Amino acid sequence: GFQFSEIDLTGIASFNGDKVAFIKTSAGTNPYQVGEIIGSGFKLLDIDDENLTVQISNDLTIYSITLEDDEK
C-alpha cells in the first residue's frame, strides 16, 4: 500500500467527453476516471479540469490534489 503523501496528480485529459486523471503512486502512473479505486483504500471522487485539481477519499477524509507544474 501507499500513503496519501505518495499520490501525485501528473495530468488531466478528456477523451470523448470522459475526464481522466493521470495519478502517480508507488505502483506507477495510471489513468483513472471518477469512481475508480486508486489503491490503498483511496477512490477518485472528482476531476476538475478548469482548476486542475482532483478529489480523492479514503472513506474518512476527502483530499484535494492540484496538478503540479513540471519542475524541468
Protein backbone atom coordinates (compact mmCIF):
# COMPACT_ATOMS: atom_id res chain seq x y z
CA GLY A 1 0.00 0.00 0.00
CA PHE A 2 0.88 3.66 -0.06
CA GLN A 3 0.11 6.82 1.88
CA PHE A 4 -1.71 9.96 0.68
CA SER A 5 1.62 11.82 0.57
CA GLU A 6 2.79 9.35 -2.10
CA ILE A 7 -0.01 10.28 -4.53
CA ASP A 8 0.70 12.86 -7.25
CA LEU A 9 -1.53 14.23 -9.99
CA THR A 10 0.52 14.26 -13.19
CA GLY A 11 -2.14 15.19 -15.76
CA ILE A 12 -5.79 15.59 -16.69
CA ALA A 13 -7.23 14.72 -20.09
CA SER A 14 -10.62 14.42 -21.73
CA PHE A 15 -11.41 11.61 -24.17
CA ASN A 16 -14.79 11.76 -25.92
CA GLY A 17 -16.17 13.82 -23.03
CA ASP A 18 -14.85 11.45 -20.36
CA LYS A 19 -12.37 13.07 -17.99
CA VAL A 20 -9.31 11.08 -16.96
CA ALA A 21 -6.79 11.92 -14.24
CA PHE A 22 -3.28 10.56 -14.51
CA ILE A 23 -2.24 9.72 -10.97
CA LYS A 24 1.22 8.59 -9.88
CA THR A 25 1.65 6.26 -6.91
CA SER A 26 4.36 3.86 -5.85
CA ALA A 27 2.71 1.41 -8.29
CA GLY A 28 3.38 3.76 -11.23
CA THR A 29 1.36 6.32 -13.20
CA ASN A 30 -2.08 5.23 -14.35
CA PRO A 31 -5.25 6.86 -15.74
CA TYR A 32 -8.35 6.90 -13.53
CA GLN A 33 -11.92 8.01 -14.05
CA VAL A 34 -14.28 9.29 -11.34
CA GLY A 35 -15.40 6.42 -9.13
CA GLU A 36 -12.37 4.23 -9.71
CA ILE A 37 -10.23 2.88 -6.91
CA ILE A 38 -6.66 4.21 -6.95
CA GLY A 39 -5.45 1.74 -4.34
CA SER A 40 -4.74 1.55 -0.60
CA GLY A 41 -8.37 2.48 0.07
CA PHE A 42 -8.30 5.69 -2.00
CA LYS A 43 -11.06 6.42 -4.52
CA LEU A 44 -11.22 9.19 -7.14
CA LEU A 45 -14.23 11.41 -6.37
CA ASP A 46 -13.92 14.34 -8.78
CA ILE A 47 -11.83 15.70 -11.65
CA ASP A 48 -11.86 19.49 -12.04
CA ASP A 49 -10.25 20.25 -15.39
CA GLU A 50 -10.73 24.02 -15.00
CA ASN A 51 -8.82 24.33 -11.71
CA LEU A 52 -6.58 21.33 -12.49
CA THR A 53 -7.43 19.51 -9.28
CA VAL A 54 -8.81 16.13 -8.27
CA GLN A 55 -10.51 15.00 -5.10
CA ILE A 56 -9.82 11.60 -3.61
CA SER A 57 -11.13 9.95 -0.47
CA ASN A 58 -10.18 7.10 1.83
CA ASP A 59 -13.78 6.99 3.23
CA LEU A 60 -12.64 9.08 6.22
CA THR A 61 -11.17 12.21 4.66
CA ILE A 62 -11.53 13.97 1.31
CA TYR A 63 -8.23 15.21 -0.11
CA SER A 64 -7.69 17.71 -2.91
CA ILE A 65 -4.64 17.36 -5.14
CA THR A 66 -3.53 20.13 -7.51
CA LEU A 67 -1.65 19.43 -10.71
CA GLU A 68 1.96 20.35 -10.02
CA ASP A 69 3.99 22.35 -12.51
CA ASP A 70 6.76 20.34 -14.07
CA GLU A 71 9.99 21.39 -12.39
CA LYS A 72 12.10 20.73 -15.50
